[in-house]
Amino acid sequence: MTLDQDACYAIISARDSRYDGRFFNAVKTTGIYCRPICSARLPKRENVVFYPSAAVAQDEGFRPCLRCRPETAPDTPAWRGTSSSVGRALRLIEEGALDSGSVEQLASRLGLGERQLRRLFLKHVGASPVSVALTRRLLLAKQLLHETDLTITQIAMASGFGSIRRFNESFQQVFKTAPSFLRREIGIEGPGAPAADIRLKLRYRPPFDWGAVAEFMKARLYPMVETYVEGIYRRSLHVDGQIGLVAVGQGMGNWLDVQVKLQNLSLLPKVIARVREVFDLAADPEVIGAHLGQDLALQDLVRRRPGLRVPGAFDPFEIGIRAILGQQITVSAAIKLGGSLVSHLGAALPAEWAQESGVSRLFPTAQSILGSSLDFLGMPQARVRCLKAYCEAYLAEDDFFGGDTQLVLARLQRVKGIGPWTASYIALRALREPDAFPAEDVALARGLAQPGGERPTRDALEQRSQAWRPWRAYAAQHIWTELASG
């Protein structure tokens, strides 16, 4: 990846917040790299060099600034819309795929060769997968040091390091100081708090349409699994055999306030990654809006909602169940079915957790759905068979949602009862494919109807959507949101 070094210098001279997270500036004389908005004295042009990501800056031997805290910058979006394989790999890395696994295993999950994945990373990210993973762990650890009272040992586990020794060595090597020294520097001393309740700020690139996301969530709440009370979204989680709770609300700045309660702190990276995906925090609304706004039919929608995001999924399996339950019925009817499924088959949370959060159950597992007749749903038997066939297919694959997007779509459509619309909707929500587009969707056709009421056919809609690539999922979300608000 190449950057216009002189243009970048002009940006940091103006401290233009629009470019926060798009690149990082490193000062040769201090060995420190910063965000473009850093309030430190402007370095001389000959002393500064610019990098497309924090991982590249750290690869070159620079350490993050303590003043502007690069770990709090919005996600670098350079790869968005350029390589779906790199995008999915970065999401898996953020969830901790390389904390215990290898690059070869990561590449296999994506349906790629190891060398091919490395080449894609160098092209689109500018650093290797291993460097990206180490940077993620260290920057998360630094954020936890700044924003929580967790002990140093807890932070080592929560940021994906296998041991406190490995954490200390890596931290010392990159930051040139010990974690305990940094804690004293920022005014947090003592052993820390042993609680597993963690509060963090997750940044995004503004604008962010929290109202649209909140309305989307509220319209699809599954009773007992999720709540939305006084501006706070809460839900239960089942991650790698462990349970958790997450609460998300709008922050006072360009961030979301997030509270996480976990049985096992080592799962924190995966939970943070899921929160980022659900609320689409890595989106670059300026780039997406500029592209979609070129279409006259979308201009007004983009202008009214410049910060619209595409809500994701805490669990891909769950989105599949939701999509099947919602086939050919209204959203409210689908929620009623989902609530019945949860009340009959969802495992109960510990009483003290339920009392604290107002959330009392977990989403049902594939095993529990397969073990039930599902008669209580009162659905047509064809739909019941589809639910069970989906659960069987999910359990039969070690990584059902792994591999190339087209491979996952084909895998889904092999399940009897899952057609192109359902598969595309799952890809849009669960795979976080920015170009996913359910061309068969009746609502999309209604939203793009001609003034006389004539709706585009499936083929016409597919052809029309080509101009929206690689952001068709956002075009679809704009149309759906407009219909829901009307």
Protein backbone atom coordinates (compact mmCIF):
# COMPACT_ATOMS: atom_id res chain seq x y z
CA MET A 1 0.00 0.00 0.00
CA THR A 2 1.27 3.51 -0.82
CA LEU A 3 0.34 6.85 0.68
CA ASP A 4 0.89 10.37 -0.64
CA GLN A 5 3.33 11.48 2.04
CA ASP A 6 2.98 15.21 1.34
CA ALA A 7 -0.83 15.03 1.38
CA CYS A 8 -0.69 13.14 4.68
CA TYR A 9 1.57 15.84 6.14
CA ALA A 10 -0.95 18.51 5.13
CA ILE A 11 -3.67 16.50 6.89
CA ILE A 12 -1.79 16.19 10.19
CA SER A 13 -0.89 19.88 9.96
CA ALA A 14 -4.64 20.63 9.93
CA ARG A 15 -5.39 17.82 12.43
CA ASP A 16 -8.31 16.85 10.20
CA SER A 17 -10.48 14.41 12.21
CA ARG A 18 -11.97 12.93 9.02
CA TYR A 19 -8.72 11.04 8.50
CA ASP A 20 -8.48 9.58 12.00
CA GLY A 21 -7.69 5.89 11.60
CA ARG A 22 -7.06 6.11 7.84
CA PHE A 23 -3.31 6.30 8.39
CA PHE A 24 -0.74 6.83 11.16
CA ASN A 25 2.23 9.21 11.28
CA ALA A 26 5.52 8.09 12.78
CA VAL A 27 8.27 10.44 13.97
CA LYS A 28 11.78 9.18 13.29
CA THR A 29 13.43 11.27 16.00
CA THR A 30 11.19 9.99 18.83
CA GLY A 31 10.36 6.48 17.60
CA ILE A 32 6.65 7.14 18.25
CA TYR A 33 3.64 6.83 15.93
CA CYS A 34 0.43 8.87 16.30
CA ARG A 35 -3.04 9.46 14.96
CA PRO A 36 -3.48 12.35 12.48
CA ILE A 37 -5.37 14.27 15.18
CA CYS A 38 -2.63 14.07 17.82
CA SER A 39 -2.26 17.31 19.76
CA ALA A 40 1.52 16.97 20.12
CA ARG A 41 3.73 19.56 18.45
CA LEU A 42 3.82 19.13 14.68
CA PRO A 43 7.03 17.33 13.67
CA LYS A 44 9.22 18.62 10.85
CA ARG A 45 8.34 17.17 7.45
CA GLU A 46 11.72 15.45 7.08
CA ASN A 47 11.25 13.66 10.40
CA VAL A 48 7.85 12.09 9.76
CA VAL A 49 6.76 9.09 7.69
CA PHE A 50 3.23 7.79 7.16
CA TYR A 51 1.86 4.24 7.35
CA PRO A 52 -1.53 2.77 6.37
CA SER A 53 -2.03 0.87 9.63
CA ALA A 54 -0.75 0.59 13.18
CA ALA A 55 0.59 -2.88 12.40
CA VAL A 56 2.89 -1.51 9.71
CA ALA A 57 4.14 1.27 12.00
CA GLN A 58 4.92 -1.24 14.74
CA ASP A 59 6.60 -3.54 12.22
CA GLU A 60 8.93 -0.64 11.45
CA GLY A 61 9.88 -0.35 15.12
CA PHE A 62 7.70 2.58 16.24
CA ARG A 63 5.72 2.54 19.48
CA PRO A 64 2.28 4.10 20.03
CA CYS A 65 1.84 7.58 21.42
CA LEU A 66 0.59 7.85 25.01
CA ARG A 67 -1.12 11.16 24.29
CA CYS A 68 -3.38 10.38 21.30
CA ARG A 69 -3.53 6.60 22.01
CA PRO A 70 -3.61 4.96 18.54
CA GLU A 71 -5.46 1.99 20.01
CA THR A 72 -8.54 4.20 20.34
CA ALA A 73 -8.62 5.26 16.67
CA PRO A 74 -11.51 4.03 14.51
CA ASP A 75 -10.73 0.86 12.58
CA THR A 76 -8.54 1.41 9.54
CA PRO A 77 -10.94 0.90 6.62
CA ALA A 78 -8.43 0.68 3.76
CA TRP A 79 -9.26 -2.95 2.99
CA ARG A 80 -13.04 -2.46 3.07
CA GLY A 81 -14.60 -3.14 -0.28
CA THR A 82 -11.32 -4.29 -1.86
CA SER A 83 -10.91 -7.87 -0.71
CA SER A 84 -13.63 -9.83 1.03
CA SER A 85 -11.06 -12.51 1.95
CA VAL A 86 -8.87 -9.97 3.74
CA GLY A 87 -11.92 -8.48 5.44
CA ARG A 88 -13.03 -11.85 6.78
CA ALA A 89 -9.47 -12.71 7.81
CA LEU A 90 -9.18 -9.48 9.79
CA ARG A 91 -12.47 -10.19 11.53
CA LEU A 92 -11.26 -13.68 12.47
CA ILE A 93 -7.96 -12.27 13.71
CA GLU A 94 -9.86 -9.75 15.82
CA GLU A 95 -11.82 -12.65 17.33
CA GLY A 96 -8.52 -14.31 18.26
CA ALA A 97 -7.99 -16.77 15.39
CA LEU A 98 -4.19 -16.40 15.63
CA ASP A 99 -4.01 -16.31 19.43
CA SER A 100 -3.95 -20.10 19.48
CA GLY A 101 -4.07 -21.06 15.78
CA SER A 102 -1.66 -20.68 12.86
CA VAL A 103 -1.74 -18.63 9.65
CA GLU A 104 -2.13 -21.89 7.75
CA GLN A 105 -5.27 -22.75 9.74
CA LEU A 106 -6.63 -19.24 9.22
CA ALA A 107 -6.05 -19.48 5.47
CA SER A 108 -7.78 -22.88 5.40
CA ARG A 109 -10.87 -21.40 7.08
CA LEU A 110 -11.00 -18.85 4.27
CA GLY A 111 -10.51 -21.41 1.51
CA LEU A 112 -7.09 -19.95 0.63
CA GLY A 113 -3.49 -21.07 0.61
CA GLU A 114 -1.16 -19.69 3.27
CA ARG A 115 1.09 -17.90 0.75
CA GLN A 116 -1.92 -16.44 -1.03
CA LEU A 117 -3.27 -15.03 2.25
CA ARG A 118 0.11 -13.46 3.06
CA ARG A 119 0.25 -11.83 -0.37
CA LEU A 120 -3.27 -10.42 0.04
CA PHE A 121 -2.36 -8.95 3.43
CA LEU A 122 0.76 -7.27 2.12
CA LYS A 123 -1.25 -5.82 -0.77
CA HIS A 124 -4.31 -4.59 1.15
CA VAL A 125 -3.09 -4.12 4.73
CA GLY A 126 0.65 -3.60 4.37
CA ALA A 127 1.58 -6.10 7.09
CA SER A 128 1.52 -9.84 7.66
CA PRO A 129 -1.34 -11.62 9.45
CA VAL A 130 0.96 -12.36 12.41
CA SER A 131 1.93 -8.69 12.73
CA VAL A 132 -1.70 -7.64 12.59
CA ALA A 133 -2.61 -10.17 15.29
CA LEU A 134 0.21 -9.06 17.60
CA THR A 135 -0.69 -5.40 17.11
CA ARG A 136 -4.33 -6.16 17.91
CA ARG A 137 -3.39 -7.95 21.13
CA LEU A 138 -1.01 -5.23 22.29
CA LEU A 139 -3.34 -2.34 21.47
CA LEU A 140 -6.25 -4.06 23.21
CA ALA A 141 -4.01 -4.64 26.23
CA LYS A 142 -3.03 -0.95 26.22
CA GLN A 143 -6.69 0.07 26.05
CA LEU A 144 -7.50 -2.21 29.00
CA LEU A 145 -4.59 -0.73 30.95
CA HIS A 146 -5.98 2.76 30.36
CA GLU A 147 -9.72 2.13 30.73
CA THR A 148 -10.19 -0.68 33.25
CA ASP A 149 -9.06 -1.70 36.73
CA LEU A 150 -8.28 -5.27 35.70
CA THR A 151 -5.09 -6.77 37.07
CA ILE A 152 -2.06 -7.10 34.78
CA THR A 153 -2.58 -10.86 34.68
CA GLN A 154 -6.24 -10.46 33.76
CA ILE A 155 -5.30 -8.02 31.01
CA ALA A 156 -2.80 -10.51 29.60
CA MET A 157 -5.52 -13.14 29.40
CA ALA A 158 -8.22 -10.79 28.15
CA SER A 159 -6.07 -9.45 25.31
CA GLY A 160 -5.24 -12.89 23.92
CA PHE A 161 -1.81 -13.67 25.35
CA GLY A 162 -1.34 -17.20 26.56
CA SER A 163 0.78 -16.25 29.57
CA ILE A 164 1.82 -13.25 31.64
CA ARG A 165 5.46 -13.81 30.67
CA ARG A 166 4.67 -13.69 26.96
CA PHE A 167 2.58 -10.58 27.50
CA ASN A 168 5.31 -8.76 29.44
CA GLU A 169 7.98 -9.64 26.87
CA SER A 170 5.88 -8.49 23.90
CA PHE A 171 4.75 -5.31 25.66
CA GLN A 172 8.29 -4.42 26.69
CA GLN A 173 9.60 -5.06 23.18
CA VAL A 174 7.05 -2.81 21.45
CA PHE A 175 6.32 -0.10 24.03
CA LYS A 176 9.82 0.01 25.58
CA THR A 177 8.29 -0.09 29.04
CA ALA A 178 6.61 -2.59 31.35
CA PRO A 179 2.80 -2.75 31.69
CA SER A 180 3.07 -1.99 35.41
CA PHE A 181 5.12 1.15 34.69
CA LEU A 182 2.50 2.38 32.21
CA ARG A 183 -0.18 1.78 34.84
CA ARG A 184 1.68 4.04 37.26
CA GLU A 185 2.22 6.64 34.52
CA ILE A 186 -1.51 6.93 33.83
CA GLY A 187 -2.42 6.96 37.51
CA ILE A 188 -3.75 3.43 38.08
CA GLU A 189 -1.85 1.61 40.80
CA GLY A 190 -2.45 -1.35 43.03
CA PRO A 191 -3.51 -4.91 42.21
CA GLY A 192 -6.60 -3.90 40.20
CA ALA A 193 -10.15 -5.20 40.45
CA PRO A 194 -10.79 -8.94 40.26
CA ALA A 195 -14.27 -8.55 38.79
CA ALA A 196 -15.05 -9.83 35.29
CA ASP A 197 -17.22 -6.80 34.47
CA ILE A 198 -15.40 -4.75 31.85
CA ARG A 199 -16.35 -1.31 30.57
CA LEU A 200 -14.82 -0.05 27.34
CA LYS A 201 -15.25 2.65 24.73
CA LEU A 202 -15.37 1.32 21.17
CA ARG A 203 -14.68 4.07 18.65
CA TYR A 204 -16.22 4.60 15.24
CA ARG A 205 -15.81 7.00 12.34
CA PRO A 206 -18.64 9.57 12.47
CA PRO A 207 -21.38 10.10 11.63
CA PHE A 208 -23.13 7.19 13.31
CA ASP A 209 -26.91 6.84 13.09
CA TRP A 210 -27.56 5.36 16.53
CA GLY A 211 -31.29 6.01 16.20
CA ALA A 212 -31.61 3.82 13.10
CA VAL A 213 -29.60 1.01 14.69
CA ALA A 214 -31.65 1.23 17.88
CA GLU A 215 -34.93 1.08 15.96
CA PHE A 216 -33.68 -1.94 14.01
CA MET A 217 -32.72 -3.71 17.24
CA LYS A 218 -35.94 -2.81 19.06
CA ALA A 219 -38.09 -4.13 16.22
CA ARG A 220 -36.33 -7.53 16.37
CA LEU A 221 -35.79 -8.16 20.07
CA TYR A 222 -36.16 -11.79 21.12
CA PRO A 223 -37.79 -11.78 24.57
CA MET A 224 -35.57 -13.01 27.42
CA VAL A 225 -32.46 -12.99 25.18
CA GLU A 226 -32.41 -9.23 24.48
CA THR A 227 -33.72 -6.00 25.97
CA TYR A 228 -33.58 -2.33 25.03
CA VAL A 229 -34.24 -0.14 28.04
CA GLU A 230 -33.47 3.58 28.46
CA GLY A 231 -31.13 3.67 25.48
CA ILE A 232 -29.15 0.56 26.45
CA TYR A 233 -29.20 -2.65 24.39
CA ARG A 234 -28.49 -5.78 26.43
CA ARG A 235 -28.28 -9.43 25.48
CA SER A 236 -26.93 -12.80 26.55
CA LEU A 237 -24.11 -14.55 24.73
CA HIS A 238 -22.91 -18.11 24.34
CA VAL A 239 -19.26 -18.09 23.23
CA ASP A 240 -17.11 -21.22 22.96
CA GLY A 241 -19.11 -23.01 25.62
CA GLN A 242 -19.08 -20.06 28.04
CA ILE A 243 -21.83 -17.57 28.80
CA GLY A 244 -21.65 -13.80 28.83
CA LEU A 245 -23.65 -10.60 28.88
CA VAL A 246 -23.11 -7.45 26.88
CA ALA A 247 -24.65 -3.99 27.22
CA VAL A 248 -24.18 -1.29 24.56
CA GLY A 249 -25.21 2.35 24.57
CA GLN A 250 -24.39 5.56 22.75
CA GLY A 251 -21.33 7.31 24.17
CA MET A 252 -20.83 11.01 24.77
CA GLY A 253 -18.38 11.20 21.86
CA ASN A 254 -17.59 9.17 18.78
CA TRP A 255 -17.76 5.86 20.57
CA LEU A 256 -20.15 3.30 22.02
CA ASP A 257 -20.11 2.58 25.74
CA VAL A 258 -19.81 -1.18 26.15
CA GLN A 259 -20.05 -3.31 29.28
CA VAL A 260 -19.14 -6.99 29.12
CA LYS A 261 -19.62 -9.68 31.78
CA LEU A 262 -17.82 -12.97 31.14
CA GLN A 263 -17.13 -16.27 32.83
CA ASN A 264 -13.79 -16.45 30.99
CA LEU A 265 -11.81 -13.27 30.28
CA SER A 266 -9.88 -14.89 27.43
CA LEU A 267 -13.07 -14.61 25.35
CA LEU A 268 -13.06 -10.81 25.52
CA PRO A 269 -11.44 -10.29 22.07
CA LYS A 270 -14.14 -12.41 20.46
CA VAL A 271 -16.94 -10.52 22.25
CA ILE A 272 -15.44 -7.14 21.32
CA ALA A 273 -15.16 -8.28 17.71
CA ARG A 274 -18.81 -9.30 17.72
CA VAL A 275 -19.92 -5.97 19.15
CA ARG A 276 -17.95 -4.21 16.41
CA GLU A 277 -19.62 -6.38 13.80
CA VAL A 278 -23.15 -6.01 15.15
CA PHE A 279 -22.89 -2.22 15.22
CA ASP A 280 -20.72 -2.01 12.06
CA LEU A 281 -18.10 0.15 13.74
CA ALA A 282 -15.49 -0.29 10.99
CA ALA A 283 -17.67 1.29 8.29
CA ASP A 284 -16.43 4.42 6.54
CA PRO A 285 -19.67 6.40 6.00
CA GLU A 286 -17.96 9.13 3.97
CA VAL A 287 -16.64 6.70 1.36
CA ILE A 288 -19.81 4.60 1.26
CA GLY A 289 -22.11 7.62 1.10
CA ALA A 290 -20.09 9.28 -1.67
CA HIS A 291 -20.33 6.14 -3.78
CA LEU A 292 -24.02 5.40 -3.24
CA GLY A 293 -24.97 9.07 -3.56
CA GLN A 294 -24.00 8.98 -7.22
CA ASP A 295 -27.27 7.13 -7.86
CA LEU A 296 -30.15 9.62 -8.08
CA ALA A 297 -32.54 7.14 -6.42
CA LEU A 298 -30.30 6.91 -3.35
CA GLN A 299 -29.10 10.50 -3.03
CA ASP A 300 -31.89 11.66 -0.73
CA LEU A 301 -31.66 8.52 1.43
CA VAL A 302 -27.92 8.95 1.92
CA ARG A 303 -28.35 12.65 2.65
CA ARG A 304 -30.99 11.95 5.33
CA ARG A 305 -29.00 9.16 6.98
CA PRO A 306 -25.29 9.75 6.34
CA GLY A 307 -24.27 7.55 9.27
CA LEU A 308 -26.45 4.52 8.52
CA ARG A 309 -24.84 1.16 9.36
CA VAL A 310 -25.67 -2.42 8.41
CA PRO A 311 -26.41 -4.30 11.66
CA GLY A 312 -24.49 -7.56 11.98
CA ALA A 313 -24.81 -10.67 14.11
CA PHE A 314 -23.56 -11.82 17.48
CA ASP A 315 -23.82 -15.40 16.23
CA PRO A 316 -24.08 -16.50 12.55
CA PHE A 317 -26.02 -19.63 13.52
CA GLU A 318 -28.61 -17.50 15.29
CA ILE A 319 -29.08 -15.29 12.23
CA GLY A 320 -29.76 -18.40 10.16
CA ILE A 321 -32.53 -19.46 12.56
CA ARG A 322 -33.98 -15.95 12.58
CA ALA A 323 -33.98 -15.82 8.78
CA ILE A 324 -35.77 -19.18 8.45
CA LEU A 325 -38.38 -18.22 11.05
CA GLY A 326 -38.96 -14.99 9.16
CA GLN A 327 -39.56 -16.52 5.75
CA GLN A 328 -42.75 -15.18 4.15
CA ILE A 329 -44.15 -13.63 7.35
CA THR A 330 -43.98 -10.21 9.03
CA VAL A 331 -41.20 -9.18 11.40
CA SER A 332 -43.60 -9.14 14.37
CA ALA A 333 -44.84 -12.65 13.57
CA ALA A 334 -41.24 -13.87 13.28
CA ILE A 335 -40.38 -12.33 16.66
CA LYS A 336 -43.33 -14.12 18.23
CA LEU A 337 -42.03 -17.44 16.89
CA GLY A 338 -38.53 -16.59 18.11
CA GLY A 339 -39.82 -15.79 21.57
CA SER A 340 -41.58 -19.13 21.73
CA LEU A 341 -38.41 -20.92 20.62
CA VAL A 342 -36.39 -19.19 23.34
CA SER A 343 -38.93 -19.80 26.11
CA HIS A 344 -39.10 -23.54 25.34
CA LEU A 345 -35.48 -24.32 24.45
CA GLY A 346 -33.24 -21.49 25.64
CA ALA A 347 -31.05 -22.36 28.64
CA ALA A 348 -31.55 -20.19 31.72
CA LEU A 349 -28.88 -17.76 32.84
CA PRO A 350 -27.69 -17.77 36.47
CA ALA A 351 -30.30 -16.07 38.61
CA GLU A 352 -27.97 -13.27 39.73
CA TRP A 353 -27.05 -12.47 36.12
CA ALA A 354 -30.69 -12.37 35.10
CA GLN A 355 -31.61 -10.12 38.00
CA GLU A 356 -28.82 -7.65 37.17
CA SER A 357 -29.49 -7.43 33.44
CA GLY A 358 -33.16 -8.22 32.84
CA VAL A 359 -31.99 -10.91 30.40
CA SER A 360 -32.83 -14.42 31.54
CA ARG A 361 -32.06 -16.93 28.76
CA LEU A 362 -29.58 -17.87 26.07
CA PHE A 363 -30.47 -18.38 22.43
CA PRO A 364 -31.21 -22.10 21.81
CA THR A 365 -28.39 -24.30 20.52
CA ALA A 366 -28.56 -26.40 17.37
CA GLN A 367 -28.61 -29.54 19.54
CA SER A 368 -31.59 -28.35 21.56
CA ILE A 369 -33.56 -27.50 18.41
CA LEU A 370 -32.80 -30.89 16.88
CA GLY A 371 -33.88 -32.63 20.06
CA SER A 372 -37.33 -31.04 20.03
CA SER A 373 -40.42 -31.77 17.94
CA LEU A 374 -40.95 -27.97 17.68
CA ASP A 375 -44.72 -28.56 17.78
CA PHE A 376 -45.09 -25.53 20.05
CA LEU A 377 -44.17 -23.26 17.12
CA GLY A 378 -47.30 -24.15 15.16
CA MET A 379 -45.40 -23.74 11.88
CA PRO A 380 -45.88 -25.65 8.61
CA GLN A 381 -43.93 -28.90 8.68
CA ALA A 382 -41.86 -27.82 5.69
CA ARG A 383 -40.51 -24.91 7.74
CA VAL A 384 -39.85 -27.19 10.71
CA ARG A 385 -37.91 -29.58 8.47
CA CYS A 386 -35.90 -26.66 7.12
CA LEU A 387 -34.97 -25.56 10.65
CA LYS A 388 -33.81 -29.05 11.56
CA ALA A 389 -31.96 -29.57 8.28
CA TYR A 390 -30.12 -26.30 8.86
CA CYS A 391 -29.13 -27.39 12.38
CA GLU A 392 -27.92 -30.75 11.07
CA ALA A 393 -25.85 -29.10 8.34
CA TYR A 394 -24.40 -26.63 10.82
CA LEU A 395 -23.34 -29.39 13.23
CA ALA A 396 -21.94 -31.56 10.44
CA GLU A 397 -19.34 -28.92 9.45
CA ASP A 398 -16.44 -27.95 11.71
CA ASP A 399 -16.67 -24.40 10.36
CA PHE A 400 -20.01 -24.05 8.62
CA PHE A 401 -19.58 -20.32 7.98
CA GLY A 402 -15.93 -20.63 6.95
CA GLY A 403 -14.50 -20.34 3.46
CA ASP A 404 -15.25 -18.03 0.57
CA THR A 405 -18.59 -16.21 0.63
CA GLN A 406 -19.81 -18.03 -2.48
CA LEU A 407 -18.93 -21.35 -0.85
CA VAL A 408 -20.95 -20.46 2.26
CA LEU A 409 -23.89 -19.35 0.11
CA ALA A 410 -23.79 -22.66 -1.76
CA ARG A 411 -23.56 -24.55 1.54
CA LEU A 412 -26.62 -22.72 2.85
CA GLN A 413 -28.66 -23.31 -0.29
CA ARG A 414 -28.01 -27.03 -0.14
CA VAL A 415 -30.32 -27.02 2.89
CA LYS A 416 -33.82 -27.72 1.63
CA GLY A 417 -35.96 -24.69 2.31
CA ILE A 418 -33.14 -22.12 2.16
CA GLY A 419 -33.27 -20.23 -1.12
CA PRO A 420 -31.27 -17.35 -2.57
CA TRP A 421 -33.07 -14.68 -0.50
CA THR A 422 -32.49 -16.39 2.84
CA ALA A 423 -28.87 -17.22 1.98
CA SER A 424 -28.14 -13.65 0.83
CA TYR A 425 -29.75 -12.18 3.94
CA ILE A 426 -27.63 -14.43 6.16
CA ALA A 427 -24.51 -13.37 4.23
CA LEU A 428 -25.44 -9.72 4.68
CA ARG A 429 -25.94 -10.00 8.43
CA ALA A 430 -23.70 -12.88 9.52
CA LEU A 431 -20.78 -12.85 7.08
CA ARG A 432 -20.56 -9.05 7.08
CA GLU A 433 -20.26 -9.10 3.31
CA PRO A 434 -20.55 -5.40 2.30
CA ASP A 435 -21.65 -6.35 -1.21
CA ALA A 436 -24.28 -8.92 -0.20
CA PHE A 437 -27.58 -8.17 -1.89
CA PRO A 438 -30.84 -10.16 -1.67
CA ALA A 439 -32.17 -9.25 -5.12
CA GLU A 440 -35.28 -11.40 -4.53
CA ASP A 441 -36.40 -9.19 -1.64
CA VAL A 442 -39.94 -7.89 -2.15
CA ALA A 443 -39.34 -4.84 0.04
CA LEU A 444 -36.35 -3.74 -2.05
CA ALA A 445 -38.47 -3.96 -5.19
CA ARG A 446 -41.20 -1.94 -3.47
CA GLY A 447 -38.71 0.67 -2.35
CA LEU A 448 -37.46 1.15 -5.92
CA ALA A 449 -40.86 1.12 -7.61
CA GLN A 450 -41.51 3.57 -10.43
CA PRO A 451 -43.80 6.60 -9.79
CA GLY A 452 -46.64 4.65 -11.41
CA GLY A 453 -46.15 1.75 -8.98
CA GLU A 454 -44.34 -0.64 -11.32
CA ARG A 455 -41.76 -2.65 -9.41
CA PRO A 456 -38.46 -3.86 -10.88
CA THR A 457 -38.11 -7.59 -11.49
CA ARG A 458 -35.50 -9.65 -9.72
CA ASP A 459 -33.20 -9.50 -12.76
CA ALA A 460 -33.77 -5.76 -13.19
CA LEU A 461 -32.98 -5.16 -9.52
CA GLU A 462 -29.81 -7.24 -9.77
CA GLN A 463 -28.71 -5.27 -12.81
CA ARG A 464 -29.56 -1.95 -11.16
CA SER A 465 -27.51 -2.88 -8.08
CA GLN A 466 -24.30 -3.32 -10.07
CA ALA A 467 -23.66 0.41 -9.86
CA TRP A 468 -23.71 0.16 -6.05
CA ARG A 469 -20.85 -2.36 -5.80
CA PRO A 470 -18.99 -2.94 -3.53
CA TRP A 471 -21.49 -1.44 -1.04
CA ARG A 472 -24.78 -3.07 -2.07
CA ALA A 473 -25.55 -4.17 1.49
CA TYR A 474 -25.62 -0.50 2.52
CA ALA A 475 -27.89 0.40 -0.38
CA ALA A 476 -30.28 -2.34 0.74
CA GLN A 477 -30.16 -1.09 4.34
CA HIS A 478 -30.97 2.46 3.21
CA ILE A 479 -34.02 1.25 1.30
CA TRP A 480 -35.26 -0.97 4.14
CA THR A 481 -34.78 1.80 6.70
CA GLU A 482 -36.70 4.28 4.56
CA LEU A 483 -39.60 1.84 4.19
CA ALA A 484 -39.66 1.13 7.93
CA SER A 485 -39.69 4.85 8.78
CA GLY A 486 -42.48 5.60 6.30
